[in-house]
Protein backbone atom coordinates (compact mmCIF):
# COMPACT_ATOMS: atom_id res chain seq x y z
CA MET A 1 87.55 99.38 86.72
CA LYS A 2 89.15 102.78 86.46
CA VAL A 3 88.98 106.28 87.94
CA GLY A 4 85.58 107.85 87.32
CA ASP A 5 83.57 104.60 87.22
CA LEU A 6 80.42 104.38 89.34
CA VAL A 7 80.56 101.28 91.53
CA ARG A 8 78.48 99.41 94.06
CA TYR A 9 79.79 97.41 97.03
CA THR A 10 79.01 93.70 96.62
CA ASN A 11 80.86 91.66 99.25
CA GLU A 12 78.61 91.60 102.35
CA ASN A 13 80.89 89.30 104.37
CA SER A 14 84.16 91.23 104.09
CA GLY A 15 83.89 93.32 107.28
CA TYR A 16 83.80 96.69 105.51
CA PRO A 17 81.29 99.34 106.64
CA ARG A 18 77.68 98.19 106.20
CA GLN A 19 76.46 101.68 105.22
CA CYS A 20 78.14 101.20 101.84
CA ASP A 21 76.12 98.07 100.95
CA LYS A 22 73.35 99.76 98.92
CA SER A 23 75.20 102.93 97.95
CA VAL A 24 76.84 104.01 94.74
CA GLY A 25 80.31 105.56 94.75
CA VAL A 26 82.91 106.92 92.34
CA ILE A 27 86.40 105.47 92.04
CA ILE A 28 88.79 108.33 92.75
CA ARG A 29 92.08 106.38 92.80
CA CYS A 30 93.42 102.95 91.80
CA ILE A 31 96.13 101.29 93.87
CA SER A 32 98.18 98.68 92.03
CA GLY A 33 99.10 95.39 93.65
CA THR A 34 97.62 91.94 94.00
CA ALA A 35 94.30 93.13 95.50
CA GLN A 36 93.89 95.88 92.86
CA ARG A 37 92.42 98.17 95.52
CA LYS A 38 90.13 101.01 94.51
CA VAL A 39 89.60 104.17 96.57
CA VAL A 40 85.89 105.05 96.48
CA GLN A 41 84.06 108.26 97.42
CA TRP A 42 80.54 107.19 98.43
CA LEU A 43 77.76 109.40 97.10
CA TYR A 44 75.44 109.72 100.07
CA LYS A 45 75.35 112.52 102.63
CA ASN A 46 78.76 112.72 104.32
CA GLY A 47 79.82 109.57 102.49
CA PRO A 48 83.27 108.33 103.50
CA VAL A 49 86.28 107.72 101.30
CA CYS A 50 87.32 104.07 101.65
CA SER A 51 89.53 101.60 99.78
CA TYR A 52 88.39 98.12 98.75
CA PRO A 53 89.76 95.18 96.77
CA ALA A 54 88.33 95.21 93.24
CA GLU A 55 86.58 91.89 93.91
CA CYS A 56 84.31 93.65 96.47
CA LEU A 57 82.97 96.13 93.90
CA GLU A 58 80.85 95.94 90.76
CA VAL A 59 80.73 98.58 88.03
CA VAL A 60 77.36 100.31 87.71
CA SER A 61 78.42 102.73 84.97
CA ALA A 62 81.83 102.91 83.32
CA THR A 63 83.46 106.07 82.02
CA ARG A 64 84.55 105.99 78.41
């Protein structure tokens, strides 16, 4: 996963906001470290910017 990829939230039991479950977002920043966190801008009306461990996201469409 890298900046610009479209992602979907996949980990329903992690305690992150439920409104992101079915939404698609764009990775706007990658944070290095053991969790490999990704900062995501969600693409629905007034979608929040949140950070998640990479394991909680799946790539829908990768940038090339």
